[in-house]
C-alpha atoms as a PDB file:
ATOM      1  CA  UNK A   1     191.378 159.767 252.488  1.00  0.00           C
ATOM      2  CA  UNK A   2     192.755 160.675 249.481  1.00  0.00           C
ATOM      3  CA  UNK A   3     193.080 157.395 247.043  1.00  0.00           C
ATOM      4  CA  UNK A   4     195.184 157.868 243.573  1.00  0.00           C
ATOM      5  CA  UNK A   5     193.263 156.080 240.416  1.00  0.00           C
ATOM      6  CA  UNK A   6     194.555 153.179 238.740  1.00  0.00           C
ATOM      7  CA  UNK A   7     196.117 153.732 235.984  1.00  0.00           C
ATOM      8  CA  UNK A   8     194.503 154.356 232.850  1.00  0.00           C
ATOM      9  CA  UNK A   9     191.489 155.175 234.710  1.00  0.00           C
ATOM     10  CA  UNK A  10     190.558 159.384 234.409  1.00  0.00           C
ATOM     11  CA  UNK A  11     191.245 160.708 238.202  1.00  0.00           C
ATOM     12  CA  UNK A  12     187.356 162.769 237.292  1.00  0.00           C
ATOM     13  CA  UNK A  13     185.776 158.733 236.950  1.00  0.00           C
ATOM     14  CA  UNK A  14     188.092 157.761 239.961  1.00  0.00           C
ATOM     15  CA  UNK A  15     187.138 161.223 242.259  1.00  0.00           C
ATOM     16  CA  UNK A  16     182.522 160.410 240.664  1.00  0.00           C
ATOM     17  CA  UNK A  17     182.768 156.450 241.789  1.00  0.00           C
ATOM     18  CA  UNK A  18     184.038 156.977 245.432  1.00  0.00           C
ATOM     19  CA  UNK A  19     182.033 160.345 245.434  1.00  0.00           C
ATOM     20  CA  UNK A  20     178.960 158.210 245.135  1.00  0.00           C
ATOM     21  CA  UNK A  21     180.155 155.391 246.481  1.00  0.00           C
ATOM     22  CA  UNK A  22     179.530 153.247 244.375  1.00  0.00           C
ATOM     23  CA  UNK A  23     184.041 152.011 244.580  1.00  0.00           C
ATOM     24  CA  UNK A  24     185.438 152.783 247.845  1.00  0.00           C
ATOM     25  CA  UNK A  25     188.897 153.297 248.214  1.00  0.00           C
ATOM     26  CA  UNK A  26     189.735 149.553 250.277  1.00  0.00           C
ATOM     27  CA  UNK A  27     188.518 148.158 246.837  1.00  0.00           C
ATOM     28  CA  UNK A  28     190.608 150.131 245.117  1.00  0.00           C
ATOM     29  CA  UNK A  29     193.765 149.412 247.234  1.00  0.00           C
ATOM     30  CA  UNK A  30     192.878 145.445 246.260  1.00  0.00           C
ATOM     31  CA  UNK A  31     192.627 146.285 243.033  1.00  0.00           C
ATOM     32  CA  UNK A  32     196.076 147.315 242.530  1.00  0.00           C
ATOM     33  CA  UNK A  33     197.307 144.838 244.806  1.00  0.00           C
ATOM     34  CA  UNK A  34     195.250 142.343 242.388  1.00  0.00           C
ATOM     35  CA  UNK A  35     197.789 144.427 239.630  1.00  0.00           C
ATOM     36  CA  UNK A  36     201.164 144.633 241.709  1.00  0.00           C
ATOM     37  CA  UNK A  37     200.300 140.350 241.590  1.00  0.00           C
ATOM     38  CA  UNK A  38     199.135 140.380 238.223  1.00  0.00           C
ATOM     39  CA  UNK A  39     201.806 141.411 237.216  1.00  0.00           C
ATOM     40  CA  UNK A  40     204.501 139.660 239.017  1.00  0.00           C
ATOM     41  CA  UNK A  41     203.010 136.615 238.169  1.00  0.00           C
ATOM     42  CA  UNK A  42     203.431 137.621 234.276  1.00  0.00           C
ATOM     43  CA  UNK A  43     207.310 138.275 234.990  1.00  0.00           C
ATOM     44  CA  UNK A  44     207.273 135.093 236.516  1.00  0.00           C
ATOM     45  CA  UNK A  45     205.679 133.290 233.468  1.00  0.00           C
ATOM     46  CA  UNK A  46     207.503 135.640 230.816  1.00  0.00           C
ATOM     47  CA  UNK A  47     211.035 134.212 232.507  1.00  0.00           C
ATOM     48  CA  UNK A  48     210.269 130.528 232.309  1.00  0.00           C
ATOM     49  CA  UNK A  49     208.822 131.136 228.644  1.00  0.00           C
ATOM     50  CA  UNK A  50     212.283 132.881 227.780  1.00  0.00           C
ATOM     51  CA  UNK A  51     213.411 129.458 229.167  1.00  0.00           C
ATOM     52  CA  UNK A  52     211.832 126.802 227.581  1.00  0.00           C
ATOM     53  CA  UNK A  53     212.574 128.786 224.325  1.00  0.00           C
ATOM     54  CA  UNK A  54     216.365 128.713 225.259  1.00  0.00           C
ATOM     55  CA  UNK A  55     215.964 124.697 225.695  1.00  0.00           C
ATOM     56  CA  UNK A  56     213.737 123.814 222.814  1.00  0.00           C
ATOM     57  CA  UNK A  57     216.628 125.846 221.106  1.00  0.00           C
ATOM     58  CA  UNK A  58     218.990 123.708 222.539  1.00  0.00           C
ATOM     59  CA  UNK A  59     217.234 119.954 221.634  1.00  0.00           C
ATOM     60  CA  UNK A  60     216.546 121.516 218.757  1.00  0.00           C
ATOM     61  CA  UNK A  61     219.961 121.780 218.003  1.00  0.00           C
ATOM     62  CA  UNK A  62     220.713 118.462 219.323  1.00  0.00           C
ATOM     63  CA  UNK A  63     218.860 116.857 217.135  1.00  0.00           C
ATOM     64  CA  UNK A  64     220.443 118.866 213.672  1.00  0.00           C
ATOM     65  CA  UNK A  65     224.065 117.783 215.132  1.00  0.00           C
ATOM     66  CA  UNK A  66     222.652 113.950 215.663  1.00  0.00           C
ATOM     67  CA  UNK A  67     221.291 113.281 212.627  1.00  0.00           C
ATOM     68  CA  UNK A  68     224.258 115.389 210.624  1.00  0.00           C
ATOM     69  CA  UNK A  69     226.359 113.241 211.751  1.00  0.00           C
ATOM     70  CA  UNK A  70     228.126 116.010 213.908  1.00  0.00           C
ATOM     71  CA  UNK A  71     229.660 114.253 216.950  1.00  0.00           C
ATOM     72  CA  UNK A  72     232.291 116.842 218.234  1.00  0.00           C
ATOM     73  CA  UNK A  73     230.142 119.125 219.587  1.00  0.00           C
ATOM     74  CA  UNK A  74     227.462 115.963 221.402  1.00  0.00           C
ATOM     75  CA  UNK A  75     230.696 114.464 222.773  1.00  0.00           C
ATOM     76  CA  UNK A  76     231.251 118.100 223.924  1.00  0.00           C
ATOM     77  CA  UNK A  77     227.970 117.746 225.281  1.00  0.00           C
ATOM     78  CA  UNK A  78     227.966 114.451 227.222  1.00  0.00           C
ATOM     79  CA  UNK A  79     231.460 114.669 228.479  1.00  0.00           C
ATOM     80  CA  UNK A  80     230.785 118.101 230.399  1.00  0.00           C
ATOM     81  CA  UNK A  81     227.852 116.497 231.861  1.00  0.00           C
ATOM     82  CA  UNK A  82     230.041 113.062 232.887  1.00  0.00           C
ATOM     83  CA  UNK A  83     232.940 114.694 233.862  1.00  0.00           C
ATOM     84  CA  UNK A  84     234.765 112.996 230.897  1.00  0.00           C
ATOM     85  CA  UNK A  85     237.832 113.892 228.534  1.00  0.00           C
ATOM     86  CA  UNK A  86     235.975 114.529 225.129  1.00  0.00           C
ATOM     87  CA  UNK A  87     239.183 113.706 223.335  1.00  0.00           C
ATOM     88  CA  UNK A  88     240.227 110.376 224.696  1.00  0.00           C
ATOM     89  CA  UNK A  89     235.877 109.892 223.834  1.00  0.00           C
ATOM     90  CA  UNK A  90     235.970 111.191 220.167  1.00  0.00           C
ATOM     91  CA  UNK A  91     239.230 109.345 219.704  1.00  0.00           C
ATOM     92  CA  UNK A  92     237.550 106.251 221.345  1.00  0.00           C
ATOM     93  CA  UNK A  93     235.273 106.745 218.553  1.00  0.00           C
ATOM     94  CA  UNK A  94     237.486 107.576 215.925  1.00  0.00           C
ATOM     95  CA  UNK A  95     239.120 103.824 216.772  1.00  0.00           C
ATOM     96  CA  UNK A  96     235.553 101.811 216.940  1.00  0.00           C
ATOM     97  CA  UNK A  97     234.069 102.931 213.959  1.00  0.00           C
ATOM     98  CA  UNK A  98     235.583 106.203 212.386  1.00  0.00           C
ATOM     99  CA  UNK A  99     232.627 107.898 213.068  1.00  0.00           C
ATOM    100  CA  UNK A 100     230.470 105.918 211.188  1.00  0.00           C
ATOM    101  CA  UNK A 101     226.927 105.350 212.979  1.00  0.00           C
ATOM    102  CA  UNK A 102     225.468 102.313 210.921  1.00  0.00           C
ATOM    103  CA  UNK A 103     229.106 100.152 210.587  1.00  0.00           C
ATOM    104  CA  UNK A 104     229.391  96.889 212.156  1.00  0.00           C
ATOM    105  CA  UNK A 105     227.548  93.184 211.982  1.00  0.00           C
ATOM    106  CA  UNK A 106     228.281  92.158 215.190  1.00  0.00           C
ATOM    107  CA  UNK A 107     229.464  95.127 217.375  1.00  0.00           C
ATOM    108  CA  UNK A 108     227.022  97.726 216.042  1.00  0.00           C
ATOM    109  CA  UNK A 109     227.095 102.030 216.236  1.00  0.00           C
ATOM    110  CA  UNK A 110     229.240 104.802 217.114  1.00  0.00           C
ATOM    111  CA  UNK A 111     231.353 102.481 219.699  1.00  0.00           C
ATOM    112  CA  UNK A 112     230.494  99.160 218.594  1.00  0.00           C
ATOM    113  CA  UNK A 113     228.777  97.907 221.024  1.00  0.00           C
ATOM    114  CA  UNK A 114     227.332  94.702 220.957  1.00  0.00           C
ATOM    115  CA  UNK A 115     223.461  94.152 221.133  1.00  0.00           C
ATOM    116  CA  UNK A 116     223.053  92.912 224.846  1.00  0.00           C
ATOM    117  CA  UNK A 117     225.237  94.888 225.800  1.00  0.00           C
ATOM    118  CA  UNK A 118     223.626  97.828 224.697  1.00  0.00           C
ATOM    119  CA  UNK A 119     220.119  96.760 226.170  1.00  0.00           C
ATOM    120  CA  UNK A 120     221.602  95.653 229.496  1.00  0.00           C
ATOM    121  CA  UNK A 121     220.573  97.212 232.348  1.00  0.00           C
ATOM    122  CA  UNK A 122     223.512  99.679 233.152  1.00  0.00           C
ATOM    123  CA  UNK A 123     222.001 101.709 230.055  1.00  0.00           C
ATOM    124  CA  UNK A 124     219.740 104.513 230.651  1.00  0.00           C
ATOM    125  CA  UNK A 125     219.074 104.801 226.564  1.00  0.00           C
ATOM    126  CA  UNK A 126     218.719 101.045 226.024  1.00  0.00           C
ATOM    127  CA  UNK A 127     215.136 101.441 224.715  1.00  0.00           C
ATOM    128  CA  UNK A 128     217.014 104.176 221.786  1.00  0.00           C
ATOM    129  CA  UNK A 129     218.730 102.111 218.030  1.00  0.00           C
ATOM    130  CA  UNK A 130     221.689 101.138 218.504  1.00  0.00           C
ATOM    131  CA  UNK A 131     222.133 103.023 215.144  1.00  0.00           C
ATOM    132  CA  UNK A 132     221.689 106.409 217.379  1.00  0.00           C
ATOM    133  CA  UNK A 133     224.382 108.215 217.688  1.00  0.00           C
ATOM    134  CA  UNK A 134     223.337 111.152 220.655  1.00  0.00           C
ATOM    135  CA  UNK A 135     222.412 107.632 222.170  1.00  0.00           C
ATOM    136  CA  UNK A 136     225.494 105.847 222.025  1.00  0.00           C
ATOM    137  CA  UNK A 137     227.393 109.280 222.934  1.00  0.00           C
ATOM    138  CA  UNK A 138     226.053 109.686 226.184  1.00  0.00           C
ATOM    139  CA  UNK A 139     226.159 104.975 227.174  1.00  0.00           C
ATOM    140  CA  UNK A 140     229.808 105.673 226.046  1.00  0.00           C
ATOM    141  CA  UNK A 141     230.244 108.537 228.628  1.00  0.00           C
ATOM    142  CA  UNK A 142     227.786 107.526 231.093  1.00  0.00           C
ATOM    143  CA  UNK A 143     229.766 104.155 231.208  1.00  0.00           C
ATOM    144  CA  UNK A 144     233.103 105.667 230.764  1.00  0.00           C
ATOM    145  CA  UNK A 145     232.240 107.656 234.162  1.00  0.00           C
ATOM    146  CA  UNK A 146     231.812 104.916 236.093  1.00  0.00           C
ATOM    147  CA  UNK A 147     235.008 102.884 235.260  1.00  0.00           C
ATOM    148  CA  UNK A 148     233.308 100.395 232.662  1.00  0.00           C
ATOM    149  CA  UNK A 149     235.926 102.157 230.010  1.00  0.00           C
ATOM    150  CA  UNK A 150     238.248  99.261 229.651  1.00  0.00           C
ATOM    151  CA  UNK A 151     236.113  96.192 229.913  1.00  0.00           C
ATOM    152  CA  UNK A 152     234.150  97.216 227.819  1.00  0.00           C
ATOM    153  CA  UNK A 153     236.180  98.153 225.128  1.00  0.00           C
ATOM    154  CA  UNK A 154     239.580  96.171 226.343  1.00  0.00           C
ATOM    155  CA  UNK A 155     241.469  96.848 222.378  1.00  0.00           C
ATOM    156  CA  UNK A 156     240.982 100.220 222.211  1.00  0.00           C
ATOM    157  CA  UNK A 157     240.409 102.049 225.198  1.00  0.00           C
ATOM    158  CA  UNK A 158     243.878 102.463 225.980  1.00  0.00           C
ATOM    159  CA  UNK A 159     244.951 104.317 223.134  1.00  0.00           C
ATOM    160  CA  UNK A 160     241.975 106.238 223.421  1.00  0.00           C
ATOM    161  CA  UNK A 161     242.277 107.843 227.315  1.00  0.00           C
END
């Protein structure tokens, strides 16, 4: 049975090895199958690495926006995830804190949370700092999506939404 030599192997060497009985046709076929499987795995892992690099770039961008206080793109991300109006959430933030994360004595942060409200079990980001703008944006979008807006911000929610 004629056997094509593996890629990169000279046809003369393949013929000599097969003729001497050192390598059988079955071994050559098995090696070809392993090579094919290895290439398939390589493509799969390359795609995974590409996806992870993209995700890391996005996380770095979010961290940069949070550090510099660029709230609009962060609001868009959170609102898209929770199905909330980005314009309404931005207005609520402006009404509550003017977009300043460190304002407030009794109520704190971008959306003026009372500390015990912030650490409540409803809030998945309760372990983050109350002054973390990205955490407050996500928590607020989440709260509004759960219908908590009017009770949490009774004076400003109606004006924002």
